[in-house]
Amino acid sequence: MPGHSDAKAAPAGNGDSASASREGALTLDQIKLNIGDPIQLQFQTGNEETRCFVSLIGYLEGKGIIVTNPIIDGNLMLVREGQHFVARFFSGKSAYAFSTSARRVTSAPYPHLHLEYPKEVRGLVVRAAPRSRINIICHATGEDGRGHACSARDISIGGALIAAGLKIGAVGTPLTLKFRIKIGEDEHTLTLPCTIRSLNAARATAEDKPSHLHGLSFEGMSSQDKLVISALLYQNVISAQEAEL
């Protein structure tokens, strides 16, 4: 299966949220997934909704998809044959979703799932990294090794806007940002290398102290990190569109 390189999204800053548009219905073969790409599966376990990541082993057009068995807290998750999922993944500059079910669950020669091949895949083109307005507590480590408590005001696949009591670094300098994202009932801890792209002083309000706003771009993100943030965008920003996927 041929691959392609990810395009770098624009960094988050102080401007307006960027746009996204639908690709419409595609076939899985048109998207050209690569072996090892992460896929998020969302399904019901009892009364709870569970989201977990698996890796693509392979697929045969019109026949089926093979993925690794999901693992929760270090243990293989029990998956029933016939169980339905919503599968989501990120490729290039687009987020995709499709409905599927487990056709075969097997442990030989290793635990893996055979999923139903989707009739269609719905795609959302991220033209310039749509942002989600958030308030997530973060920890930033500057180029000098000093740690700073901060909060993320918005986030995109390409970057984030963080507020800190002190200036963490100059424009163009690197830092590392660590934070947790909750997707459904699951928490994901991300540690991302970043570059400061903009600096602005935020005015104090009756509720907030004066702070420095840092527009960051994420550098060298893994496909799984992109998928986690993409899931957050689905959850917080485009939930109405997610319901249609």
C-alpha atoms as a PDB file:
ATOM      1  CA  MET A   1       0.000   0.000   0.000  1.00  0.00           C
ATOM      2  CA  PRO A   2       1.643   3.291  -1.021  1.00  0.00           C
ATOM      3  CA  GLY A   3       2.142   5.931   1.648  1.00  0.00           C
ATOM      4  CA  HIS A   4       2.330   9.673   1.758  1.00  0.00           C
ATOM      5  CA  SER A   5       3.847  12.263   4.044  1.00  0.00           C
ATOM      6  CA  ASP A   6       1.839  14.316   6.512  1.00  0.00           C
ATOM      7  CA  ALA A   7       1.478  17.983   5.684  1.00  0.00           C
ATOM      8  CA  LYS A   8       2.361  20.412   8.463  1.00  0.00           C
ATOM      9  CA  ALA A   9      -0.609  22.352   9.775  1.00  0.00           C
ATOM     10  CA  ALA A  10      -0.509  26.024  10.653  1.00  0.00           C
ATOM     11  CA  PRO A  11       0.308  26.926  14.241  1.00  0.00           C
ATOM     12  CA  ALA A  12      -2.358  28.054  16.626  1.00  0.00           C
ATOM     13  CA  GLY A  13      -2.296  31.684  17.593  1.00  0.00           C
ATOM     14  CA  ASN A  14      -4.590  34.573  18.406  1.00  0.00           C
ATOM     15  CA  GLY A  15      -6.534  34.728  15.171  1.00  0.00           C
ATOM     16  CA  ASP A  16      -9.896  33.311  14.198  1.00  0.00           C
ATOM     17  CA  SER A  17     -10.502  29.590  14.056  1.00  0.00           C
ATOM     18  CA  ALA A  18      -9.586  28.110  10.703  1.00  0.00           C
ATOM     19  CA  SER A  19     -11.997  26.247   8.503  1.00  0.00           C
ATOM     20  CA  ALA A  20     -12.537  22.594   7.751  1.00  0.00           C
ATOM     21  CA  SER A  21     -14.632  20.977   5.049  1.00  0.00           C
ATOM     22  CA  ARG A  22     -15.955  17.563   4.167  1.00  0.00           C
ATOM     23  CA  GLU A  23     -14.348  15.291   1.618  1.00  0.00           C
ATOM     24  CA  GLY A  24     -17.607  13.382   1.426  1.00  0.00           C
ATOM     25  CA  ALA A  25     -17.828   9.622   0.910  1.00  0.00           C
ATOM     26  CA  LEU A  26     -14.652   7.793  -0.087  1.00  0.00           C
ATOM     27  CA  THR A  27     -13.516   4.193  -0.217  1.00  0.00           C
ATOM     28  CA  LEU A  28     -10.831   3.010   2.178  1.00  0.00           C
ATOM     29  CA  ASP A  29      -8.618   2.091  -0.758  1.00  0.00           C
ATOM     30  CA  GLN A  30      -8.705   5.703  -2.007  1.00  0.00           C
ATOM     31  CA  ILE A  31      -7.151   6.937   1.249  1.00  0.00           C
ATOM     32  CA  LYS A  32      -4.125   4.587   1.078  1.00  0.00           C
ATOM     33  CA  LEU A  33      -3.524   3.774   4.727  1.00  0.00           C
ATOM     34  CA  ASN A  34      -0.109   2.467   5.741  1.00  0.00           C
ATOM     35  CA  ILE A  35       0.621  -0.685   7.738  1.00  0.00           C
ATOM     36  CA  GLY A  36       1.097   0.275  11.389  1.00  0.00           C
ATOM     37  CA  ASP A  37      -1.120   3.375  11.217  1.00  0.00           C
ATOM     38  CA  PRO A  38      -3.107   3.897  14.447  1.00  0.00           C
ATOM     39  CA  ILE A  39      -6.892   3.613  14.329  1.00  0.00           C
ATOM     40  CA  GLN A  40      -9.223   4.580  17.144  1.00  0.00           C
ATOM     41  CA  LEU A  41     -12.131   2.241  17.844  1.00  0.00           C
ATOM     42  CA  GLN A  42     -15.180   3.543  19.693  1.00  0.00           C
ATOM     43  CA  PHE A  43     -17.734   1.091  21.010  1.00  0.00           C
ATOM     44  CA  GLN A  44     -20.055   0.356  23.899  1.00  0.00           C
ATOM     45  CA  THR A  45     -18.980  -1.864  26.800  1.00  0.00           C
ATOM     46  CA  GLY A  46     -22.013  -2.311  29.003  1.00  0.00           C
ATOM     47  CA  ASN A  47     -23.352   1.179  29.662  1.00  0.00           C
ATOM     48  CA  GLU A  48     -20.016   2.877  28.984  1.00  0.00           C
ATOM     49  CA  GLU A  49     -18.478   4.187  25.802  1.00  0.00           C
ATOM     50  CA  THR A  50     -14.896   3.056  25.258  1.00  0.00           C
ATOM     51  CA  ARG A  51     -12.309   4.447  22.860  1.00  0.00           C
ATOM     52  CA  CYS A  52      -9.012   2.710  22.302  1.00  0.00           C
ATOM     53  CA  PHE A  53      -6.224   2.581  19.741  1.00  0.00           C
ATOM     54  CA  VAL A  54      -5.237  -0.333  17.538  1.00  0.00           C
ATOM     55  CA  SER A  55      -2.685  -0.646  14.735  1.00  0.00           C
ATOM     56  CA  LEU A  56      -3.475  -1.496  11.122  1.00  0.00           C
ATOM     57  CA  ILE A  57      -2.029  -4.854  10.058  1.00  0.00           C
ATOM     58  CA  GLY A  58      -3.510  -4.807   6.566  1.00  0.00           C
ATOM     59  CA  TYR A  59      -6.669  -4.793   4.474  1.00  0.00           C
ATOM     60  CA  LEU A  60      -8.035  -6.280   1.267  1.00  0.00           C
ATOM     61  CA  GLU A  61     -10.347  -4.068  -0.761  1.00  0.00           C
ATOM     62  CA  GLY A  62     -13.956  -5.128  -0.409  1.00  0.00           C
ATOM     63  CA  LYS A  63     -13.067  -8.032   1.895  1.00  0.00           C
ATOM     64  CA  GLY A  64     -11.895  -6.899   5.337  1.00  0.00           C
ATOM     65  CA  ILE A  65      -9.498  -5.020   7.609  1.00  0.00           C
ATOM     66  CA  ILE A  66      -7.054  -6.639  10.047  1.00  0.00           C
ATOM     67  CA  VAL A  67      -6.006  -4.712  13.174  1.00  0.00           C
ATOM     68  CA  THR A  68      -4.317  -5.556  16.463  1.00  0.00           C
ATOM     69  CA  ASN A  69      -6.482  -6.454  19.444  1.00  0.00           C
ATOM     70  CA  PRO A  70      -7.105  -3.363  21.628  1.00  0.00           C
ATOM     71  CA  ILE A  71      -5.298  -3.212  24.954  1.00  0.00           C
ATOM     72  CA  ILE A  72      -6.727  -1.441  28.011  1.00  0.00           C
ATOM     73  CA  ASP A  73      -4.516  -0.878  31.075  1.00  0.00           C
ATOM     74  CA  GLY A  74      -2.011  -3.415  29.779  1.00  0.00           C
ATOM     75  CA  ASN A  75      -4.608  -6.151  29.259  1.00  0.00           C
ATOM     76  CA  LEU A  76      -6.182  -7.468  26.082  1.00  0.00           C
ATOM     77  CA  MET A  77      -9.700  -6.145  25.746  1.00  0.00           C
ATOM     78  CA  LEU A  78     -12.473  -8.681  25.285  1.00  0.00           C
ATOM     79  CA  VAL A  79     -14.066  -8.124  21.889  1.00  0.00           C
ATOM     80  CA  ARG A  80     -17.081 -10.113  20.729  1.00  0.00           C
ATOM     81  CA  GLU A  81     -17.588 -11.238  17.155  1.00  0.00           C
ATOM     82  CA  GLY A  82     -20.348  -9.108  15.680  1.00  0.00           C
ATOM     83  CA  GLN A  83     -19.571  -6.177  17.977  1.00  0.00           C
ATOM     84  CA  HIS A  84     -20.014  -2.818  16.246  1.00  0.00           C
ATOM     85  CA  PHE A  85     -17.506   0.045  16.251  1.00  0.00           C
ATOM     86  CA  VAL A  86     -16.956   3.512  14.923  1.00  0.00           C
ATOM     87  CA  ALA A  87     -13.393   3.625  13.595  1.00  0.00           C
ATOM     88  CA  ARG A  88     -11.507   6.922  13.278  1.00  0.00           C
ATOM     89  CA  PHE A  89      -8.069   7.737  11.942  1.00  0.00           C
ATOM     90  CA  PHE A  90      -5.994  10.665  10.765  1.00  0.00           C
ATOM     91  CA  SER A  91      -4.153  10.686   7.441  1.00  0.00           C
ATOM     92  CA  GLY A  92      -2.391  13.623   5.812  1.00  0.00           C
ATOM     93  CA  LYS A  93      -4.537  16.678   6.514  1.00  0.00           C
ATOM     94  CA  SER A  94      -7.824  14.834   7.008  1.00  0.00           C
ATOM     95  CA  ALA A  95      -9.686  13.026   9.765  1.00  0.00           C
ATOM     96  CA  TYR A  96     -11.764  10.019   8.701  1.00  0.00           C
ATOM     97  CA  ALA A  97     -14.466   7.840  10.244  1.00  0.00           C
ATOM     98  CA  PHE A  98     -16.428   4.745   9.267  1.00  0.00           C
ATOM     99  CA  SER A  99     -18.734   2.156  10.826  1.00  0.00           C
ATOM    100  CA  THR A 100     -17.599  -1.450  11.051  1.00  0.00           C
ATOM    101  CA  SER A 101     -17.935  -4.627  13.147  1.00  0.00           C
ATOM    102  CA  ALA A 102     -15.730  -7.481  14.324  1.00  0.00           C
ATOM    103  CA  ARG A 103     -16.131 -10.378  11.895  1.00  0.00           C
ATOM    104  CA  ARG A 104     -13.491 -12.576  13.531  1.00  0.00           C
ATOM    105  CA  VAL A 105     -11.599 -12.392  16.829  1.00  0.00           C
ATOM    106  CA  THR A 106      -8.569 -14.658  17.047  1.00  0.00           C
ATOM    107  CA  SER A 107      -5.427 -15.116  19.123  1.00  0.00           C
ATOM    108  CA  ALA A 108      -3.455 -17.201  16.590  1.00  0.00           C
ATOM    109  CA  PRO A 109      -0.677 -16.615  15.808  1.00  0.00           C
ATOM    110  CA  TYR A 110      -1.171 -13.395  17.860  1.00  0.00           C
ATOM    111  CA  PRO A 111      -4.275 -11.496  19.057  1.00  0.00           C
ATOM    112  CA  HIS A 112      -5.908  -9.592  16.221  1.00  0.00           C
ATOM    113  CA  LEU A 113      -9.298  -8.640  14.806  1.00  0.00           C
ATOM    114  CA  HIS A 114     -10.815  -9.028  11.350  1.00  0.00           C
ATOM    115  CA  LEU A 115     -13.153  -6.086  10.768  1.00  0.00           C
ATOM    116  CA  GLU A 116     -15.870  -5.661   8.183  1.00  0.00           C
ATOM    117  CA  TYR A 117     -14.685  -3.637   5.175  1.00  0.00           C
ATOM    118  CA  PRO A 118     -16.598  -0.320   5.160  1.00  0.00           C
ATOM    119  CA  LYS A 119     -18.887   0.544   2.288  1.00  0.00           C
ATOM    120  CA  GLU A 120     -17.788   4.167   2.624  1.00  0.00           C
ATOM    121  CA  VAL A 121     -15.508   6.364   4.689  1.00  0.00           C
ATOM    122  CA  ARG A 122     -16.426   9.923   5.654  1.00  0.00           C
ATOM    123  CA  GLY A 123     -13.623  12.467   5.634  1.00  0.00           C
ATOM    124  CA  LEU A 124     -13.134  15.920   7.083  1.00  0.00           C
ATOM    125  CA  VAL A 125     -10.399  17.993   5.450  1.00  0.00           C
ATOM    126  CA  VAL A 126      -8.390  20.038   7.945  1.00  0.00           C
ATOM    127  CA  ARG A 127      -7.487  22.957   5.704  1.00  0.00           C
ATOM    128  CA  ALA A 128      -5.750  25.000   8.396  1.00  0.00           C
ATOM    129  CA  ALA A 129      -6.148  23.187  11.678  1.00  0.00           C
ATOM    130  CA  PRO A 130      -9.570  23.946  13.212  1.00  0.00           C
ATOM    131  CA  ARG A 131      -9.249  24.878  16.877  1.00  0.00           C
ATOM    132  CA  SER A 132     -11.026  23.813  19.999  1.00  0.00           C
ATOM    133  CA  ARG A 133     -11.523  26.365  22.765  1.00  0.00           C
ATOM    134  CA  ILE A 134     -10.326  24.652  25.918  1.00  0.00           C
ATOM    135  CA  ASN A 135      -8.855  25.270  29.344  1.00  0.00           C
ATOM    136  CA  ILE A 136      -6.366  22.488  30.024  1.00  0.00           C
ATOM    137  CA  ILE A 137      -3.693  22.684  32.729  1.00  0.00           C
ATOM    138  CA  CYS A 138      -0.264  22.108  31.142  1.00  0.00           C
ATOM    139  CA  HIS A 139       3.395  21.996  32.085  1.00  0.00           C
ATOM    140  CA  ALA A 140       5.885  23.665  29.768  1.00  0.00           C
ATOM    141  CA  THR A 141       9.650  23.166  29.894  1.00  0.00           C
ATOM    142  CA  GLY A 142      11.627  25.955  28.290  1.00  0.00           C
ATOM    143  CA  GLU A 143      14.912  25.798  26.417  1.00  0.00           C
ATOM    144  CA  ASP A 144      16.726  26.591  29.671  1.00  0.00           C
ATOM    145  CA  GLY A 145      15.215  23.512  31.352  1.00  0.00           C
ATOM    146  CA  ARG A 146      12.950  25.511  33.672  1.00  0.00           C
ATOM    147  CA  GLY A 147       9.412  24.260  34.186  1.00  0.00           C
ATOM    148  CA  HIS A 148       6.378  26.559  33.947  1.00  0.00           C
ATOM    149  CA  ALA A 149       2.781  26.019  34.975  1.00  0.00           C
ATOM    150  CA  CYS A 150       0.460  27.172  32.192  1.00  0.00           C
ATOM    151  CA  SER A 151      -2.922  26.558  30.639  1.00  0.00           C
ATOM    152  CA  ALA A 152      -3.934  25.885  27.045  1.00  0.00           C
ATOM    153  CA  ARG A 153      -6.596  28.318  25.824  1.00  0.00           C
ATOM    154  CA  ASP A 154      -7.109  26.626  22.462  1.00  0.00           C
ATOM    155  CA  ILE A 155      -5.617  23.715  20.560  1.00  0.00           C
ATOM    156  CA  SER A 156      -5.417  22.473  16.996  1.00  0.00           C
ATOM    157  CA  ILE A 157      -3.687  19.655  15.188  1.00  0.00           C
ATOM    158  CA  GLY A 158      -0.930  22.136  14.353  1.00  0.00           C
ATOM    159  CA  GLY A 159      -0.419  23.903  17.671  1.00  0.00           C
ATOM    160  CA  ALA A 160      -1.846  25.529  20.781  1.00  0.00           C
ATOM    161  CA  LEU A 161      -2.259  28.864  22.519  1.00  0.00           C
ATOM    162  CA  ILE A 162      -1.003  28.724  26.109  1.00  0.00           C
ATOM    163  CA  ALA A 163      -1.130  31.299  28.901  1.00  0.00           C
ATOM    164  CA  ALA A 164       1.610  31.531  31.542  1.00  0.00           C
ATOM    165  CA  GLY A 165       2.382  33.971  34.336  1.00  0.00           C
ATOM    166  CA  LEU A 166       5.880  34.591  32.927  1.00  0.00           C
ATOM    167  CA  LYS A 167       7.328  34.636  29.447  1.00  0.00           C
ATOM    168  CA  ILE A 168       8.626  31.129  28.782  1.00  0.00           C
ATOM    169  CA  GLY A 169      10.888  32.015  25.860  1.00  0.00           C
ATOM    170  CA  ALA A 170      11.359  34.202  22.803  1.00  0.00           C
ATOM    171  CA  VAL A 171       9.689  33.710  19.444  1.00  0.00           C
ATOM    172  CA  GLY A 172      11.444  30.915  17.594  1.00  0.00           C
ATOM    173  CA  THR A 173      12.706  29.082  20.673  1.00  0.00           C
ATOM    174  CA  PRO A 174      11.700  25.461  21.434  1.00  0.00           C
ATOM    175  CA  LEU A 175       9.843  24.145  24.455  1.00  0.00           C
ATOM    176  CA  THR A 176       8.184  20.914  25.530  1.00  0.00           C
ATOM    177  CA  LEU A 177       4.496  20.922  26.437  1.00  0.00           C
ATOM    178  CA  LYS A 178       2.950  18.169  28.550  1.00  0.00           C
ATOM    179  CA  PHE A 179      -0.776  17.844  29.185  1.00  0.00           C
ATOM    180  CA  ARG A 180      -3.660  15.392  29.498  1.00  0.00           C
ATOM    181  CA  ILE A 181      -6.628  15.112  27.178  1.00  0.00           C
ATOM    182  CA  LYS A 182      -9.815  13.297  28.103  1.00  0.00           C
ATOM    183  CA  ILE A 183     -11.585  11.581  25.211  1.00  0.00           C
ATOM    184  CA  GLY A 184     -14.813  10.043  26.396  1.00  0.00           C
ATOM    185  CA  GLU A 185     -13.868   8.139  29.550  1.00  0.00           C
ATOM    186  CA  ASP A 186     -10.206   7.727  28.582  1.00  0.00           C
ATOM    187  CA  GLU A 187      -7.298  10.016  29.459  1.00  0.00           C
ATOM    188  CA  HIS A 188      -4.288  10.463  27.195  1.00  0.00           C
ATOM    189  CA  THR A 189      -1.044  12.131  28.287  1.00  0.00           C
ATOM    190  CA  LEU A 190       0.774  13.962  25.497  1.00  0.00           C
ATOM    191  CA  THR A 191       4.346  15.274  25.628  1.00  0.00           C
ATOM    192  CA  LEU A 192       4.934  17.389  22.535  1.00  0.00           C
ATOM    193  CA  PRO A 193       7.964  19.316  21.280  1.00  0.00           C
ATOM    194  CA  CYS A 194       6.901  22.818  20.256  1.00  0.00           C
ATOM    195  CA  THR A 195       8.245  26.073  18.862  1.00  0.00           C
ATOM    196  CA  ILE A 196       7.060  29.479  20.097  1.00  0.00           C
ATOM    197  CA  ARG A 197       5.594  31.312  17.102  1.00  0.00           C
ATOM    198  CA  SER A 198       4.006  34.366  18.749  1.00  0.00           C
ATOM    199  CA  LEU A 199       4.007  36.261  22.062  1.00  0.00           C
ATOM    200  CA  ASN A 200       1.358  38.601  23.426  1.00  0.00           C
ATOM    201  CA  ALA A 201       0.468  40.030  26.816  1.00  0.00           C
ATOM    202  CA  ALA A 202      -3.097  39.292  27.941  1.00  0.00           C
ATOM    203  CA  ARG A 203      -4.967  41.979  29.835  1.00  0.00           C
ATOM    204  CA  ALA A 204      -5.926  41.234  33.420  1.00  0.00           C
ATOM    205  CA  THR A 205      -9.592  40.730  34.176  1.00  0.00           C
ATOM    206  CA  ALA A 206     -11.537  40.623  37.406  1.00  0.00           C
ATOM    207  CA  GLU A 207     -11.096  36.842  37.422  1.00  0.00           C
ATOM    208  CA  ASP A 208      -7.663  36.345  35.831  1.00  0.00           C
ATOM    209  CA  LYS A 209      -4.201  37.665  36.610  1.00  0.00           C
ATOM    210  CA  PRO A 210      -2.048  39.217  33.871  1.00  0.00           C
ATOM    211  CA  SER A 211      -0.526  36.516  31.690  1.00  0.00           C
ATOM    212  CA  HIS A 212       1.675  36.004  28.657  1.00  0.00           C
ATOM    213  CA  LEU A 213       0.098  34.262  25.673  1.00  0.00           C
ATOM    214  CA  HIS A 214       2.351  31.959  23.642  1.00  0.00           C
ATOM    215  CA  GLY A 215       1.269  30.734  20.215  1.00  0.00           C
ATOM    216  CA  LEU A 216       2.908  27.353  19.693  1.00  0.00           C
ATOM    217  CA  SER A 217       3.395  25.053  16.743  1.00  0.00           C
ATOM    218  CA  PHE A 218       3.723  21.330  17.377  1.00  0.00           C
ATOM    219  CA  GLU A 219       6.835  19.768  15.859  1.00  0.00           C
ATOM    220  CA  GLY A 220       7.316  16.154  14.795  1.00  0.00           C
ATOM    221  CA  MET A 221       3.996  14.853  16.076  1.00  0.00           C
ATOM    222  CA  SER A 222       3.317  11.138  15.832  1.00  0.00           C
ATOM    223  CA  SER A 223       0.255   9.861  13.988  1.00  0.00           C
ATOM    224  CA  GLN A 224      -1.220   8.707  17.304  1.00  0.00           C
ATOM    225  CA  ASP A 225      -0.808  12.169  18.874  1.00  0.00           C
ATOM    226  CA  LYS A 226      -2.551  13.676  15.846  1.00  0.00           C
ATOM    227  CA  LEU A 227      -5.345  11.174  16.211  1.00  0.00           C
ATOM    228  CA  VAL A 228      -5.838  12.004  19.907  1.00  0.00           C
ATOM    229  CA  ILE A 229      -6.075  15.737  19.160  1.00  0.00           C
ATOM    230  CA  SER A 230      -8.269  15.021  16.157  1.00  0.00           C
ATOM    231  CA  ALA A 231     -10.615  13.084  18.470  1.00  0.00           C
ATOM    232  CA  LEU A 232     -10.690  16.078  20.821  1.00  0.00           C
ATOM    233  CA  LEU A 233     -11.643  18.336  17.903  1.00  0.00           C
ATOM    234  CA  TYR A 234     -14.424  15.926  17.000  1.00  0.00           C
ATOM    235  CA  GLN A 235     -15.574  15.876  20.626  1.00  0.00           C
ATOM    236  CA  ASN A 236     -15.430  19.599  21.416  1.00  0.00           C
ATOM    237  CA  VAL A 237     -15.580  21.544  18.182  1.00  0.00           C
ATOM    238  CA  ILE A 238     -17.382  19.534  15.536  1.00  0.00           C
ATOM    239  CA  SER A 239     -19.594  17.225  17.595  1.00  0.00           C
ATOM    240  CA  ALA A 240     -22.524  17.866  15.283  1.00  0.00           C
ATOM    241  CA  GLN A 241     -20.441  16.772  12.310  1.00  0.00           C
ATOM    242  CA  GLU A 242     -19.101  13.780  14.243  1.00  0.00           C
ATOM    243  CA  ALA A 243     -22.649  12.525  14.738  1.00  0.00           C
ATOM    244  CA  GLU A 244     -23.014  12.302  10.957  1.00  0.00           C
ATOM    245  CA  LEU A 245     -19.767  10.369  10.436  1.00  0.00           C
END
